[in-house]
Protein backbone atom coordinates (compact mmCIF):
# COMPACT_ATOMS: atom_id res chain seq x y z
CA MET A 1 22.73 64.54 -33.58
CA GLU A 2 25.96 66.00 -34.93
CA PRO A 3 29.26 64.07 -34.88
CA SER A 4 32.26 65.20 -32.87
CA ALA A 5 34.11 68.37 -33.81
CA ALA A 6 36.80 66.47 -35.70
CA SER A 7 35.96 66.78 -39.37
CA ALA A 8 35.69 63.84 -41.76
CA LYS A 9 38.86 65.08 -43.47
CA ALA A 10 40.83 64.95 -40.24
CA ALA A 11 39.42 61.53 -39.44
CA ALA A 12 40.44 60.30 -42.88
CA SER A 13 44.09 61.07 -42.16
CA ALA A 14 44.11 59.38 -38.75
CA PRO A 15 45.49 55.83 -38.69
CA SER A 16 43.56 53.00 -37.09
CA ALA A 17 44.56 52.22 -33.55
CA ALA A 18 46.23 48.94 -32.81
CA ALA A 19 43.91 46.28 -31.53
CA ALA A 20 46.09 45.66 -28.51
CA SER A 21 45.75 49.14 -27.07
CA PRO A 22 42.21 50.55 -27.16
CA ALA A 23 41.80 54.31 -26.82
CA VAL A 24 39.84 55.90 -24.03
CA ALA A 25 36.34 56.51 -25.39
CA GLU A 26 34.37 59.72 -25.14
CA LYS A 27 31.27 59.81 -23.00
CA MET A 28 27.97 59.95 -24.85
CA ASN A 29 25.83 63.00 -23.99
CA SER A 30 22.05 63.05 -23.68
CA ALA A 31 21.45 64.35 -27.21
CA GLN A 32 23.65 61.62 -28.66
CA PHE A 33 21.86 59.06 -26.51
CA ARG A 34 18.48 60.14 -27.89
CA THR A 35 19.78 60.10 -31.44
CA ALA A 36 21.06 56.55 -31.08
CA LEU A 37 17.70 55.38 -29.73
CA THR A 38 15.84 57.21 -32.50
CA LEU A 39 18.04 55.64 -35.15
CA GLY A 40 17.43 52.32 -33.42
CA PHE A 41 13.76 52.46 -34.39
CA GLY A 42 14.79 51.61 -37.94
CA LEU A 43 16.59 48.45 -36.85
CA PHE A 44 13.75 47.75 -34.40
CA GLY A 45 11.28 47.51 -37.29
CA ALA A 46 13.63 45.56 -39.54
CA GLN A 47 14.48 43.06 -36.81
CA LEU A 48 10.84 42.55 -35.87
CA MET A 49 10.04 41.62 -39.46
CA TRP A 50 13.08 39.37 -39.86
CA MET A 51 12.38 37.49 -36.64
CA VAL A 52 8.75 36.88 -37.57
CA TYR A 53 9.87 35.84 -41.06
CA ASN A 54 12.62 33.48 -39.84
CA THR A 55 10.41 31.97 -37.14
CA TYR A 56 7.20 31.29 -39.08
CA MET A 57 8.19 31.13 -42.74
CA PRO A 58 9.97 27.75 -42.25
CA ILE A 59 6.85 26.42 -40.51
CA PHE A 60 4.62 27.51 -43.42
CA LEU A 61 7.02 25.89 -45.88
CA GLN A 62 7.36 22.56 -44.02
CA ALA A 63 3.91 22.08 -42.45
CA GLY A 64 2.18 19.07 -43.92
CA ALA A 65 5.43 17.20 -44.69
CA PRO A 66 5.87 13.65 -43.37
CA GLY A 67 7.89 13.76 -40.17
CA PHE A 68 7.23 17.44 -39.54
CA SER A 69 4.55 17.94 -36.93
CA THR A 70 3.25 21.01 -35.17
CA SER A 71 0.98 21.17 -32.16
CA LEU A 72 -1.35 23.45 -34.10
CA ALA A 73 -3.31 22.84 -37.29
CA VAL A 74 -0.99 25.00 -39.38
CA ARG A 75 -1.40 24.67 -43.13
CA GLY A 76 1.73 24.58 -45.29
CA PHE A 77 3.46 23.31 -48.41
CA GLY A 78 5.22 20.13 -47.20
CA LEU A 79 8.78 21.02 -48.25
CA THR A 80 11.92 19.29 -47.00
CA ALA A 81 14.36 21.02 -44.66
CA THR A 82 16.83 21.36 -47.55
CA LEU A 83 14.32 23.10 -49.83
CA THR A 84 13.20 25.23 -46.90
CA GLY A 85 16.79 26.24 -46.30
CA ILE A 86 17.17 27.21 -49.96
CA ILE A 87 14.07 29.40 -49.88
CA MET A 88 15.17 30.96 -46.61
CA THR A 89 18.32 32.15 -48.38
CA PHE A 90 16.37 34.33 -50.83
CA ASP A 91 16.83 37.34 -48.55
CA ASN A 92 20.55 36.72 -48.30
CA ILE A 93 20.98 36.23 -52.05
CA ALA A 94 19.26 39.57 -52.66
CA ALA A 95 21.26 41.18 -49.88
CA PHE A 96 24.56 39.76 -51.16
CA PHE A 97 24.18 41.46 -54.52
CA LEU A 98 22.39 44.63 -53.46
CA GLN A 99 23.55 45.63 -49.97
CA PRO A 100 27.28 45.98 -50.81
CA LEU A 101 26.28 48.20 -53.75
CA MET A 102 23.90 50.32 -51.70
CA GLY A 103 26.73 51.40 -49.39
CA PRO A 104 28.87 53.19 -51.99
CA ILE A 105 25.77 54.29 -53.91
CA SER A 106 24.43 56.03 -50.82
CA ASP A 107 27.92 57.44 -50.13
CA ARG A 108 27.60 59.27 -53.46
CA THR A 109 23.91 60.25 -53.17
CA HIS A 110 23.06 63.91 -52.55
CA THR A 111 19.47 65.02 -52.00
CA ARG A 112 17.76 67.55 -49.76
CA PHE A 113 16.80 64.62 -47.51
CA GLY A 114 20.41 63.45 -47.21
CA ARG A 115 22.42 60.50 -48.50
CA ARG A 116 20.77 57.61 -46.64
CA ILE A 117 17.22 58.72 -45.76
CA PRO A 118 15.77 58.65 -49.32
CA TYR A 119 16.37 54.91 -49.62
CA ILE A 120 14.71 54.32 -46.25
CA MET A 121 11.74 56.51 -47.21
CA ILE A 122 11.04 54.55 -50.40
CA PHE A 123 11.94 50.93 -49.78
CA ALA A 124 11.03 50.41 -46.11
CA PRO A 125 7.28 50.94 -46.68
CA LEU A 126 7.36 48.68 -49.75
CA SER A 127 9.02 45.91 -47.77
CA ALA A 128 6.46 46.22 -44.97
CA ILE A 129 3.52 45.95 -47.39
CA ALA A 130 4.99 42.85 -49.08
CA PHE A 131 5.70 41.35 -45.65
CA ALA A 132 2.01 41.62 -44.75
CA LEU A 133 1.08 39.58 -47.84
CA ILE A 134 3.33 36.59 -47.07
CA PRO A 135 0.97 34.62 -44.79
CA VAL A 136 -1.98 35.12 -47.12
CA GLY A 137 -0.55 32.37 -49.34
CA ALA A 138 -0.57 29.85 -46.49
CA LEU A 139 -4.02 30.92 -45.30
CA LEU A 140 -5.45 30.24 -48.79
CA ILE A 141 -4.52 26.54 -48.55
CA PRO A 142 -7.61 24.33 -48.00
CA PRO A 143 -7.03 22.18 -44.87
CA SER A 144 -7.43 18.97 -46.90
CA LEU A 145 -4.62 20.00 -49.28
CA SER A 146 -2.00 21.00 -46.72
CA GLY A 147 1.39 19.64 -47.74
CA GLN A 148 0.32 18.79 -51.29
CA LEU A 149 2.39 21.33 -53.20
CA ALA A 150 1.33 20.14 -56.66
CA LEU A 151 -2.29 21.04 -55.87
CA ILE A 152 -1.65 24.43 -54.23
CA LYS A 153 0.64 26.18 -56.70
CA GLY A 154 -1.36 29.43 -56.62
CA PRO A 155 -1.01 30.02 -52.86
CA PHE A 156 2.65 28.98 -53.08
CA ALA A 157 3.30 31.52 -55.85
CA LEU A 158 1.68 34.26 -53.77
CA LEU A 159 3.75 33.42 -50.69
CA ILE A 160 7.02 33.23 -52.64
CA GLY A 161 6.24 36.35 -54.68
CA ALA A 162 5.50 38.43 -51.59
CA ALA A 163 8.64 37.11 -49.89
CA LEU A 164 10.78 38.04 -52.92
CA VAL A 165 9.45 41.61 -53.03
CA MET A 166 10.01 41.95 -49.28
CA VAL A 167 13.60 40.72 -49.32
CA LEU A 168 14.53 42.82 -52.36
CA CYS A 169 13.19 45.99 -50.78
CA MET A 170 14.82 45.18 -47.43
CA ALA A 171 18.18 44.82 -49.18
CA LEU A 172 17.80 48.30 -50.67
CA TRP A 173 17.34 50.17 -47.39
CA ARG A 174 19.26 48.17 -44.80
CA THR A 175 22.81 49.32 -45.67
CA PRO A 176 21.84 53.03 -45.79
CA LEU A 177 20.20 52.56 -42.38
CA PHE A 178 23.32 50.99 -40.87
CA ALA A 179 25.59 53.58 -42.48
CA LEU A 180 23.78 56.35 -40.59
CA MET A 181 25.38 55.18 -37.34
CA PRO A 182 29.02 55.95 -38.28
CA ASP A 183 27.82 59.11 -40.05
CA LEU A 184 26.31 60.37 -36.80
CA PHE A 185 28.84 59.10 -34.25
CA PRO A 186 32.65 59.40 -34.02
CA SER A 187 34.87 56.35 -33.65
CA ALA A 188 35.02 56.51 -29.84
CA LEU A 189 31.24 56.29 -29.50
CA ARG A 190 30.45 53.67 -32.13
CA SER A 191 30.40 50.61 -29.87
CA GLU A 192 28.11 52.41 -27.42
CA ALA A 193 25.87 53.74 -30.21
CA ASN A 194 25.77 50.27 -31.75
CA ALA A 195 24.79 48.87 -28.35
CA LEU A 196 21.85 51.27 -28.03
CA ILE A 197 20.74 50.61 -31.60
CA ASN A 198 20.97 46.87 -31.01
CA ILE A 199 18.93 47.23 -27.83
CA MET A 200 16.17 48.60 -30.01
CA SER A 201 16.75 45.67 -32.36
CA GLY A 202 16.54 43.28 -29.41
CA ILE A 203 13.24 44.82 -28.31
CA GLY A 204 11.96 44.20 -31.82
CA GLY A 205 13.08 40.58 -31.55
CA ILE A 206 11.36 40.12 -28.19
CA ILE A 207 8.13 41.60 -29.50
CA ALA A 208 8.38 39.30 -32.52
CA PHE A 209 8.79 36.22 -30.33
CA VAL A 210 6.39 37.03 -27.51
CA ALA A 211 3.62 39.02 -29.18
CA GLY A 212 4.22 37.14 -32.41
CA GLY A 213 3.84 33.81 -30.65
CA LEU A 214 0.58 34.83 -29.02
CA LEU A 215 -0.77 36.28 -32.26
CA PHE A 216 0.24 33.18 -34.24
CA SER A 217 -1.90 31.08 -31.91
CA LEU A 218 -4.90 33.25 -32.83
CA ASN A 219 -4.19 33.48 -36.56
CA PRO A 220 -0.97 32.57 -38.41
CA GLY A 221 -1.16 35.80 -40.38
CA MET A 222 -1.41 38.16 -37.44
CA PRO A 223 2.33 38.33 -36.54
CA PHE A 224 3.03 39.48 -40.10
CA TRP A 225 0.28 42.10 -40.16
CA PHE A 226 1.26 43.39 -36.74
CA GLY A 227 4.94 43.51 -37.74
CA SER A 228 4.14 45.41 -40.92
CA LEU A 229 2.20 48.11 -39.07
CA ILE A 230 4.84 48.53 -36.34
CA THR A 231 7.63 48.77 -38.92
CA LEU A 232 5.83 51.51 -40.85
CA LEU A 233 5.48 53.54 -37.65
CA ALA A 234 9.10 52.93 -36.61
CA VAL A 235 10.51 53.99 -39.98
CA LEU A 236 8.36 57.12 -39.92
CA ILE A 237 10.06 58.12 -36.65
CA VAL A 238 13.51 57.71 -38.22
CA VAL A 239 12.62 59.71 -41.32
CA LEU A 240 11.09 62.57 -39.33
CA LYS A 241 13.66 62.81 -36.52
CA ILE A 242 17.09 61.95 -37.97
CA ARG A 243 19.08 64.70 -39.68
CA GLU A 244 22.21 63.64 -41.52
CA PRO A 245 25.39 65.66 -40.76
CA GLN A 246 26.27 68.06 -43.55
CA ALA A 247 30.04 67.83 -43.07
CA VAL A 248 30.18 64.13 -43.96
CA ALA A 249 27.92 64.63 -46.96
CA GLU A 250 30.12 67.45 -48.32
CA SER A 251 33.30 65.38 -47.95
CA SER A 252 31.91 62.72 -50.29
CA GLU A 253 30.82 65.04 -53.10
CA SER A 254 31.99 64.33 -56.66
CA ARG A 255 33.44 60.95 -55.74
CA ARG A 256 32.97 58.26 -58.33
CA MET A 257 32.73 54.54 -57.68
CA ARG A 258 36.14 54.13 -59.32
CA ASP A 259 37.67 56.58 -56.84
CA ILE A 260 36.17 54.69 -53.90
CA LEU A 261 37.63 51.39 -55.12
CA LYS A 262 41.06 53.03 -55.56
CA ASP A 263 40.88 54.34 -51.98
CA LEU A 264 40.22 50.82 -50.72
CA GLY A 265 43.24 49.58 -52.67
CA ARG A 266 45.45 52.26 -51.09
CA MET A 267 44.63 51.28 -47.51
CA PRO A 268 47.66 50.61 -45.27
CA ALA A 269 48.67 46.95 -45.41
CA ALA A 270 47.80 46.30 -41.75
CA ASN A 271 44.32 47.77 -42.21
CA ARG A 272 43.71 45.82 -45.41
CA LYS A 273 44.81 42.51 -43.84
CA SER A 274 42.70 43.15 -40.74
CA LEU A 275 39.69 44.06 -42.89
CA ILE A 276 39.92 40.74 -44.74
CA LEU A 277 40.28 38.81 -41.48
CA LEU A 278 37.36 40.69 -39.93
CA ILE A 279 35.17 39.89 -42.93
CA LEU A 280 36.10 36.21 -42.53
CA THR A 281 35.37 36.46 -38.80
CA VAL A 282 31.89 37.83 -39.43
CA PHE A 283 31.30 35.27 -42.18
CA GLY A 284 32.20 32.41 -39.84
CA TYR A 285 30.11 33.37 -36.83
CA MET A 286 27.12 34.33 -38.96
CA LEU A 287 27.32 31.00 -40.81
CA GLY A 288 26.92 29.30 -37.45
CA TYR A 289 24.33 31.73 -36.11
CA MET A 290 22.10 31.15 -39.14
CA ALA A 291 21.74 27.51 -38.10
CA ILE A 292 20.22 28.61 -34.78
CA GLU A 293 18.12 31.44 -36.17
CA THR A 294 16.64 29.42 -39.05
CA PHE A 295 16.09 26.03 -37.43
CA PHE A 296 15.66 26.64 -33.69
CA SER A 297 11.87 26.85 -34.01
CA SER A 298 11.90 23.59 -35.98
CA PHE A 299 14.08 21.99 -33.27
CA ALA A 300 11.71 23.10 -30.52
CA VAL A 301 8.58 21.99 -32.41
CA SER A 302 9.79 18.65 -33.80
CA THR A 303 12.37 17.53 -31.21
CA MET A 304 11.03 19.00 -27.96
CA GLY A 305 7.33 18.76 -28.90
CA MET A 306 6.57 22.42 -28.27
CA LYS A 307 3.94 24.61 -29.90
CA PRO A 308 5.28 27.15 -32.39
CA SER A 309 4.15 29.97 -30.10
CA ALA A 310 6.01 28.44 -27.13
CA ALA A 311 9.11 27.89 -29.28
CA ALA A 312 9.10 31.56 -30.25
CA MET A 313 8.79 32.68 -26.63
CA LEU A 314 11.59 30.31 -25.59
CA LEU A 315 13.98 31.90 -28.09
CA ALA A 316 12.96 35.33 -26.77
CA VAL A 317 14.99 34.48 -23.64
CA SER A 318 18.19 35.04 -25.61
CA TYR A 319 16.96 38.44 -26.75
CA VAL A 320 16.20 39.51 -23.20
CA SER A 321 19.73 38.48 -22.26
CA PHE A 322 21.09 40.35 -25.27
CA LEU A 323 19.24 43.50 -24.18
CA VAL A 324 20.55 43.29 -20.62
CA PHE A 325 24.17 42.88 -21.70
CA ALA A 326 24.26 45.20 -24.75
CA ILE A 327 25.46 48.32 -22.90
CA PRO A 328 27.82 46.37 -20.58
CA SER A 329 29.38 44.78 -23.67
CA SER A 330 30.30 48.22 -25.05
CA SER A 331 31.66 49.23 -21.64
CA LEU A 332 33.68 46.03 -21.48
CA ALA A 333 35.12 46.81 -24.91
CA LYS A 334 36.37 50.14 -23.57
CA ARG A 335 38.29 48.32 -20.84
CA TRP A 336 39.41 45.17 -22.67
CA GLY A 337 39.40 46.35 -26.27
CA ARG A 338 36.94 45.28 -28.95
CA LYS A 339 39.00 42.32 -30.15
CA ARG A 340 39.33 40.62 -26.76
CA THR A 341 35.66 41.26 -26.03
CA VAL A 342 34.51 39.61 -29.28
CA LEU A 343 36.82 36.62 -28.73
CA THR A 344 35.32 36.13 -25.26
CA GLY A 345 31.81 36.27 -26.68
CA LEU A 346 32.54 33.59 -29.26
CA VAL A 347 33.81 31.22 -26.55
CA VAL A 348 30.91 31.89 -24.18
CA PHE A 349 28.20 31.49 -26.83
CA GLY A 350 29.82 28.40 -28.34
CA LEU A 351 30.14 26.58 -25.02
CA GLY A 352 26.51 27.37 -24.18
CA LEU A 353 25.33 25.75 -27.42
CA VAL A 354 27.36 22.60 -26.75
CA VAL A 355 25.67 22.31 -23.34
CA ILE A 356 22.25 22.47 -25.06
CA TRP A 357 23.31 19.63 -27.36
CA LEU A 358 24.40 17.53 -24.38
CA PHE A 359 21.33 18.26 -22.22
CA PRO A 360 18.36 19.25 -24.44
CA SER A 361 15.80 19.94 -21.72
CA VAL A 362 13.74 23.10 -21.38
CA PRO A 363 15.49 24.36 -18.20
CA VAL A 364 18.95 23.81 -19.72
CA VAL A 365 17.92 25.45 -23.00
CA VAL A 366 16.58 28.49 -21.14
CA ALA A 367 19.75 28.83 -19.03
CA MET A 368 22.07 28.46 -22.00
CA LEU A 369 20.05 30.91 -24.10
CA VAL A 370 20.68 33.46 -21.36
CA VAL A 371 24.41 32.67 -21.60
CA GLY A 372 24.18 32.80 -25.40
CA GLY A 373 22.52 36.21 -25.32
CA PHE A 374 25.41 37.52 -23.22
CA GLY A 375 27.99 36.04 -25.60
CA TRP A 376 26.15 37.34 -28.65
CA ALA A 377 26.10 40.85 -27.19
CA LEU A 378 29.89 40.76 -26.79
CA VAL A 379 30.26 39.70 -30.42
CA ASN A 380 27.53 41.59 -32.23
CA ILE A 381 27.94 44.97 -30.51
CA ASN A 382 31.66 45.28 -31.21
CA CYS A 383 32.55 43.54 -34.47
CA TYR A 384 30.74 45.97 -36.80
CA PRO A 385 32.54 49.00 -35.27
CA MET A 386 35.83 47.13 -35.72
CA ILE A 387 35.19 46.90 -39.46
CA LEU A 388 34.21 50.57 -39.62
CA ASP A 389 37.38 51.62 -37.81
CA THR A 390 39.70 49.78 -40.18
CA SER A 391 38.79 52.59 -42.58
CA VAL A 392 41.01 55.67 -42.87
CA ASP A 393 38.27 57.72 -44.61
CA GLU A 394 35.16 58.70 -42.68
CA SER A 395 33.23 59.49 -45.87
CA LEU A 396 33.24 55.79 -46.82
CA MET A 397 31.11 54.45 -43.98
CA GLY A 398 28.47 53.23 -46.41
CA THR A 399 31.13 51.35 -48.34
CA PHE A 400 32.50 49.69 -45.21
CA SER A 401 28.98 48.89 -44.05
CA GLY A 402 28.52 47.21 -47.43
CA LEU A 403 31.66 45.14 -46.87
CA TYR A 404 30.25 44.04 -43.51
CA PHE A 405 27.07 42.96 -45.26
CA ILE A 406 29.03 40.97 -47.85
CA ALA A 407 30.11 38.72 -44.98
CA THR A 408 26.72 38.53 -43.26
CA THR A 409 24.72 37.93 -46.42
CA LEU A 410 27.09 35.36 -47.91
CA ALA A 411 26.90 33.47 -44.62
CA GLY A 412 23.16 33.93 -44.56
CA THR A 413 22.92 32.52 -48.07
CA LEU A 414 25.04 29.45 -47.44
CA GLY A 415 24.06 28.89 -43.81
CA PRO A 416 20.43 27.74 -44.15
CA ILE A 417 21.25 25.53 -47.15
CA LEU A 418 24.27 23.93 -45.51
CA ASN A 419 22.59 23.46 -42.15
CA GLY A 420 19.36 22.21 -43.75
CA TRP A 421 21.42 19.67 -45.70
CA ILE A 422 23.17 18.54 -42.50
CA ILE A 423 19.79 18.19 -40.75
CA ASP A 424 18.43 16.05 -43.59
CA LEU A 425 21.68 14.03 -43.66
CA THR A 426 21.24 13.19 -39.97
CA GLY A 427 17.61 12.11 -40.38
CA ARG A 428 16.09 15.49 -39.41
CA ASN A 429 18.16 15.63 -36.22
CA TYR A 430 17.61 19.33 -35.53
CA ALA A 431 19.81 19.15 -32.42
CA VAL A 432 22.89 18.94 -34.64
CA ILE A 433 22.76 22.72 -35.09
CA PHE A 434 24.12 23.08 -31.55
CA LEU A 435 27.32 21.33 -32.63
CA VAL A 436 27.69 22.90 -36.05
CA CYS A 437 27.42 26.48 -34.82
CA PRO A 438 30.34 26.25 -32.32
CA LEU A 439 32.58 24.83 -35.05
CA PHE A 440 32.00 27.93 -37.14
CA PHE A 441 32.62 30.06 -34.05
CA LEU A 442 36.00 28.36 -33.72
CA PHE A 443 36.87 29.40 -37.28
CA SER A 444 35.95 33.01 -36.44
CA PHE A 445 38.03 32.86 -33.26
CA LEU A 446 41.11 31.83 -35.23
CA CYS A 447 40.61 34.59 -37.82
CA LEU A 448 39.99 37.33 -35.27
CA SER A 449 43.02 36.36 -33.21
CA ARG A 450 45.22 37.62 -36.09
CA VAL A 451 43.52 41.03 -36.45
CA THR A 452 45.72 44.01 -35.53
CA THR A 453 43.45 47.02 -36.20
CA GLY A 454 39.85 48.01 -35.57
CA GLU A 455 39.99 49.50 -32.09
CA VAL A 456 38.81 53.05 -31.29
CA LYS A 457 40.72 55.57 -33.40
CA ALA A 458 43.00 57.98 -31.53
């Protein structure tokens, strides 16, 4: 799909709209709709792998430890929640150093396949292959040695090695994938395009939780092997169907990294201040969200006595809710503005988590996960476009996508460690995550309330 008729040069000279007065958005046509869904296959595959990884990797790492029980005979390495949290940050450490670089690098890449596609073509298949090898390490553990790390160093090395290759390769293609969205869609359509792409992501999450849960009951390796195959097929669709717009590519020719950094320094003061506050906003809510994403399965298994497969399907409720409200959240942003919509989402999601902490029963958890999915749609659909539209140069979308990932990956690095430490400090009270997360949401609320740019550009 081609972007709107306004050239990148014209977009670069247009100032960001004030957050208080959102512009009337264009209506997406059928070709643009199909392009957004096609691009969404990339995030679909990536999200499927991440959800399987974040759901079952902590169980492999902790199974066999005193005080950690599962309803299935899952073999593992007996690590503490703190050590598990540290290992679960490997992907975020790699992403923190690589993803911000991949944005400007892809901005300056010129090949016959485009600026972004070459990185997806190379590193997505490598990440999928490594992903398929992760559970092999756990499956090699003899049942009698489960939890005895000193005696199973070989399987542990295989699991960690495969995980490292996977997260490194994922970091090398994720930013180019995200940067395709603003390349293909003008400012007025970015919330809606992001909603459609995130619907595809949500479908990937649901498949990971539902199909992954069923497959895990049959064989702990099957969710990983299934996810690897599906991701390879999804990425193939993106590579074959997406064509990058030539106008944006030409506008970024001959730009050096030094020139890009100078352009960032010359941003209008209001845009620069809002960009910093938006990065802090994303950092705060992702720091809290990582507590839920990393340790919810452990909460359900150890605190509520559920099977890992049932825990995965329970969390899928929030993804169904996210899917249902993704498009309405972009429509709401057109009426209210992106800023007010994100603020509302933070309040809704945070209150839902507090209710789970107060009443941790299955019916309450299900109901509040529905509420949380709605709140998360309001936040997640609209905050990334806000960061993109603080830019005054449309040829720097990879760079601004990289700045977004600085916030998400730093939070993802610190979040599991911090929340794992808090869980250990409270005697493995996994329910504490439902109090910690809203506190970080409050921090994001305060930062976002001071943002003055990031709405649809005029």
